[in-house]
């Protein structure tokens, strides 16, 4: 856990193989969602739809977070 400001930020490590597998799935999806340079019209930021966590591409990453949250809620009681 890193103590940043008054908010605790939990950290964890994933093995290299799992990171690579997750990245192979989510990076193309992120690239697909990025605005095309022609459509950007000078904006410095962009937003995705609020339900990315329901897409197949982000499924394993969501599992990682679910597992971490479950572990946190068990140890913080």
N, C-alpha and C. Protein backbone atom coordinates (compact mmCIF):
# COMPACT_ATOMS: atom_id res chain seq x y z
N UNK A 1 0.85 -1.16 0.00
CA UNK A 1 0.00 0.00 0.00
C UNK A 1 0.90 1.23 0.00
N UNK A 2 0.55 2.19 -0.83
CA UNK A 2 1.24 3.48 -0.86
C UNK A 2 0.34 4.50 -0.19
N UNK A 3 0.87 5.25 0.74
CA UNK A 3 0.08 6.29 1.38
C UNK A 3 0.27 7.59 0.61
N UNK A 4 -0.73 7.95 -0.18
CA UNK A 4 -0.70 9.16 -0.98
C UNK A 4 -1.81 10.08 -0.50
N UNK A 5 -1.40 11.25 -0.02
CA UNK A 5 -2.36 12.19 0.53
C UNK A 5 -3.19 11.45 1.59
N UNK A 6 -4.45 11.81 1.79
CA UNK A 6 -5.21 11.06 2.80
C UNK A 6 -5.81 9.76 2.25
N UNK A 7 -5.56 9.47 1.00
CA UNK A 7 -6.14 8.29 0.37
C UNK A 7 -5.11 7.17 0.28
N UNK A 8 -5.49 5.98 0.70
CA UNK A 8 -4.61 4.83 0.56
C UNK A 8 -4.77 4.27 -0.85
N UNK A 9 -3.67 3.94 -1.47
CA UNK A 9 -3.68 3.33 -2.79
C UNK A 9 -3.03 1.96 -2.67
N UNK A 10 -3.79 0.92 -2.93
CA UNK A 10 -3.26 -0.43 -2.85
C UNK A 10 -2.57 -0.77 -4.15
N UNK A 11 -1.49 -1.50 -4.05
CA UNK A 11 -0.79 -1.92 -5.26
C UNK A 11 -0.57 -3.42 -5.22
N UNK A 12 -0.43 -3.99 -6.39
CA UNK A 12 -0.16 -5.41 -6.49
C UNK A 12 0.66 -5.66 -7.75
N UNK A 13 1.22 -6.81 -7.83
CA UNK A 13 2.03 -7.19 -8.98
C UNK A 13 1.35 -8.33 -9.74
N UNK A 14 1.46 -8.25 -11.04
CA UNK A 14 1.00 -9.34 -11.90
C UNK A 14 2.21 -9.95 -12.57
N UNK A 15 2.15 -11.24 -12.81
CA UNK A 15 3.27 -11.86 -13.51
C UNK A 15 3.30 -11.36 -14.95
N UNK A 16 4.49 -11.41 -15.53
CA UNK A 16 4.72 -10.86 -16.87
C UNK A 16 3.78 -11.48 -17.91
N UNK A 17 3.57 -12.78 -17.84
CA UNK A 17 2.72 -13.45 -18.83
C UNK A 17 1.29 -12.92 -18.77
N UNK A 18 0.78 -12.74 -17.57
CA UNK A 18 -0.59 -12.24 -17.44
C UNK A 18 -0.69 -10.80 -17.92
N UNK A 19 0.29 -9.98 -17.58
CA UNK A 19 0.31 -8.59 -18.06
C UNK A 19 0.30 -8.54 -19.59
N UNK A 20 1.15 -9.35 -20.20
CA UNK A 20 1.22 -9.36 -21.66
C UNK A 20 -0.09 -9.82 -22.27
N UNK A 21 -0.70 -10.83 -21.67
CA UNK A 21 -1.97 -11.35 -22.18
C UNK A 21 -3.06 -10.28 -22.09
N UNK A 22 -3.12 -9.60 -20.95
CA UNK A 22 -4.12 -8.54 -20.78
C UNK A 22 -3.86 -7.41 -21.77
N UNK A 23 -2.60 -7.00 -21.89
CA UNK A 23 -2.26 -5.92 -22.82
C UNK A 23 -2.60 -6.26 -24.26
N UNK A 24 -2.36 -7.53 -24.67
CA UNK A 24 -2.70 -7.93 -26.04
C UNK A 24 -4.19 -7.77 -26.32
N UNK A 25 -5.00 -7.88 -25.29
CA UNK A 25 -6.45 -7.76 -25.48
C UNK A 25 -6.93 -6.31 -25.39
N UNK A 26 -6.39 -5.55 -24.42
CA UNK A 26 -6.96 -4.22 -24.20
C UNK A 26 -6.36 -3.13 -25.08
N UNK A 27 -5.10 -3.26 -25.46
CA UNK A 27 -4.47 -2.20 -26.26
C UNK A 27 -5.16 -2.01 -27.60
N UNK A 28 -5.46 -3.09 -28.35
CA UNK A 28 -6.20 -2.86 -29.60
C UNK A 28 -7.58 -2.21 -29.37
N UNK A 29 -8.24 -2.58 -28.28
CA UNK A 29 -9.55 -1.99 -27.98
C UNK A 29 -9.40 -0.50 -27.67
N UNK A 30 -8.38 -0.16 -26.90
CA UNK A 30 -8.13 1.26 -26.59
C UNK A 30 -7.82 2.02 -27.87
N UNK A 31 -6.97 1.44 -28.73
CA UNK A 31 -6.66 2.09 -30.01
C UNK A 31 -7.92 2.30 -30.85
N UNK A 32 -8.81 1.33 -30.81
CA UNK A 32 -10.07 1.43 -31.55
C UNK A 32 -10.92 2.59 -31.02
N UNK A 33 -10.86 2.82 -29.72
CA UNK A 33 -11.69 3.84 -29.09
C UNK A 33 -11.09 5.24 -29.16
N UNK A 34 -9.79 5.34 -29.38
CA UNK A 34 -9.16 6.66 -29.47
C UNK A 34 -9.74 7.43 -30.64
N UNK A 35 -9.96 8.72 -30.46
CA UNK A 35 -10.48 9.50 -31.58
C UNK A 35 -9.42 9.57 -32.68
N UNK A 36 -9.89 9.52 -33.91
CA UNK A 36 -8.97 9.68 -35.03
C UNK A 36 -8.46 11.11 -35.04
N UNK A 37 -7.22 11.27 -35.45
CA UNK A 37 -6.61 12.60 -35.44
C UNK A 37 -7.48 13.61 -36.20
N UNK A 38 -8.10 13.19 -37.31
CA UNK A 38 -8.96 14.10 -38.08
C UNK A 38 -10.18 14.54 -37.30
N UNK A 39 -10.67 13.66 -36.40
CA UNK A 39 -11.87 13.95 -35.64
C UNK A 39 -11.58 14.70 -34.34
N UNK A 40 -10.32 14.78 -33.96
CA UNK A 40 -9.94 15.30 -32.65
C UNK A 40 -10.22 16.79 -32.49
N UNK A 41 -10.05 17.55 -33.54
CA UNK A 41 -10.33 19.00 -33.53
C UNK A 41 -9.63 19.72 -32.37
N UNK A 42 -8.39 19.33 -32.07
CA UNK A 42 -7.59 20.05 -31.10
C UNK A 42 -7.87 19.75 -29.64
N UNK A 43 -8.71 18.78 -29.36
CA UNK A 43 -9.00 18.45 -27.96
C UNK A 43 -7.80 17.77 -27.31
N UNK A 44 -7.59 18.04 -26.03
CA UNK A 44 -6.48 17.44 -25.30
C UNK A 44 -6.87 16.19 -24.53
N UNK A 45 -8.13 15.86 -24.46
CA UNK A 45 -8.56 14.70 -23.71
C UNK A 45 -9.71 14.00 -24.44
N UNK A 46 -9.99 12.80 -24.00
CA UNK A 46 -11.11 12.05 -24.57
C UNK A 46 -11.65 11.13 -23.50
N UNK A 47 -12.88 10.74 -23.65
CA UNK A 47 -13.53 9.84 -22.72
C UNK A 47 -14.09 8.65 -23.47
N UNK A 48 -14.12 7.51 -22.80
CA UNK A 48 -14.75 6.33 -23.37
C UNK A 48 -16.14 6.20 -22.77
N UNK A 49 -16.89 5.26 -23.26
CA UNK A 49 -18.21 5.01 -22.68
C UNK A 49 -18.00 4.41 -21.28
N UNK A 50 -18.97 4.56 -20.39
CA UNK A 50 -18.77 4.18 -18.98
C UNK A 50 -18.87 2.69 -18.68
N UNK A 51 -19.02 1.86 -19.70
CA UNK A 51 -19.17 0.43 -19.40
C UNK A 51 -18.09 -0.44 -20.06
N UNK A 52 -16.88 0.08 -20.17
CA UNK A 52 -15.77 -0.71 -20.73
C UNK A 52 -15.55 -2.00 -19.94
N UNK A 53 -15.82 -1.95 -18.66
CA UNK A 53 -15.59 -3.12 -17.82
C UNK A 53 -16.51 -4.29 -18.18
N UNK A 54 -17.50 -4.04 -19.01
CA UNK A 54 -18.39 -5.10 -19.46
C UNK A 54 -17.97 -5.70 -20.80
N UNK A 55 -16.94 -5.15 -21.43
CA UNK A 55 -16.51 -5.67 -22.72
C UNK A 55 -15.63 -6.91 -22.53
N UNK A 56 -15.64 -7.79 -23.52
CA UNK A 56 -14.83 -9.01 -23.46
C UNK A 56 -13.35 -8.69 -23.31
N UNK A 57 -12.90 -7.66 -24.01
CA UNK A 57 -11.48 -7.32 -24.00
C UNK A 57 -10.96 -6.97 -22.61
N UNK A 58 -11.80 -6.39 -21.78
CA UNK A 58 -11.38 -5.98 -20.44
C UNK A 58 -11.74 -7.00 -19.36
N UNK A 59 -12.28 -8.14 -19.77
CA UNK A 59 -12.75 -9.14 -18.81
C UNK A 59 -11.69 -9.62 -17.83
N UNK A 60 -10.51 -9.98 -18.33
CA UNK A 60 -9.48 -10.49 -17.42
C UNK A 60 -8.96 -9.38 -16.50
N UNK A 61 -8.86 -8.17 -17.00
CA UNK A 61 -8.43 -7.06 -16.15
C UNK A 61 -9.45 -6.82 -15.03
N UNK A 62 -10.72 -6.92 -15.35
CA UNK A 62 -11.77 -6.79 -14.34
C UNK A 62 -11.64 -7.89 -13.29
N UNK A 63 -11.32 -9.10 -13.72
CA UNK A 63 -11.11 -10.19 -12.77
C UNK A 63 -9.97 -9.87 -11.80
N UNK A 64 -8.91 -9.27 -12.32
CA UNK A 64 -7.77 -8.89 -11.47
C UNK A 64 -8.23 -7.91 -10.40
N UNK A 65 -9.00 -6.90 -10.81
CA UNK A 65 -9.50 -5.91 -9.85
C UNK A 65 -10.47 -6.54 -8.86
N UNK A 66 -11.36 -7.39 -9.36
CA UNK A 66 -12.31 -8.06 -8.46
C UNK A 66 -11.58 -8.87 -7.39
N UNK A 67 -10.55 -9.60 -7.80
CA UNK A 67 -9.77 -10.40 -6.86
C UNK A 67 -9.09 -9.50 -5.84
N UNK A 68 -8.53 -8.38 -6.30
CA UNK A 68 -7.85 -7.45 -5.39
C UNK A 68 -8.83 -6.84 -4.40
N UNK A 69 -9.99 -6.44 -4.87
CA UNK A 69 -11.00 -5.84 -3.99
C UNK A 69 -11.47 -6.86 -2.97
N UNK A 70 -11.67 -8.09 -3.41
CA UNK A 70 -12.07 -9.14 -2.49
C UNK A 70 -11.02 -9.34 -1.40
N UNK A 71 -9.76 -9.35 -1.79
CA UNK A 71 -8.68 -9.49 -0.82
C UNK A 71 -8.61 -8.33 0.13
N UNK A 72 -8.82 -7.13 -0.38
CA UNK A 72 -8.82 -5.93 0.47
C UNK A 72 -9.96 -5.98 1.47
N UNK A 73 -11.14 -6.31 0.99
CA UNK A 73 -12.29 -6.31 1.90
C UNK A 73 -12.17 -7.39 2.97
N UNK A 74 -11.47 -8.46 2.67
CA UNK A 74 -11.26 -9.52 3.65
C UNK A 74 -10.22 -9.12 4.70
N UNK A 75 -9.16 -8.43 4.28
CA UNK A 75 -8.08 -8.07 5.20
C UNK A 75 -8.36 -6.79 5.97
N UNK A 76 -9.29 -5.99 5.52
CA UNK A 76 -9.51 -4.70 6.19
C UNK A 76 -10.58 -4.75 7.26
N UNK A 77 -11.09 -5.91 7.55
CA UNK A 77 -12.16 -6.03 8.56
C UNK A 77 -11.58 -6.06 9.94
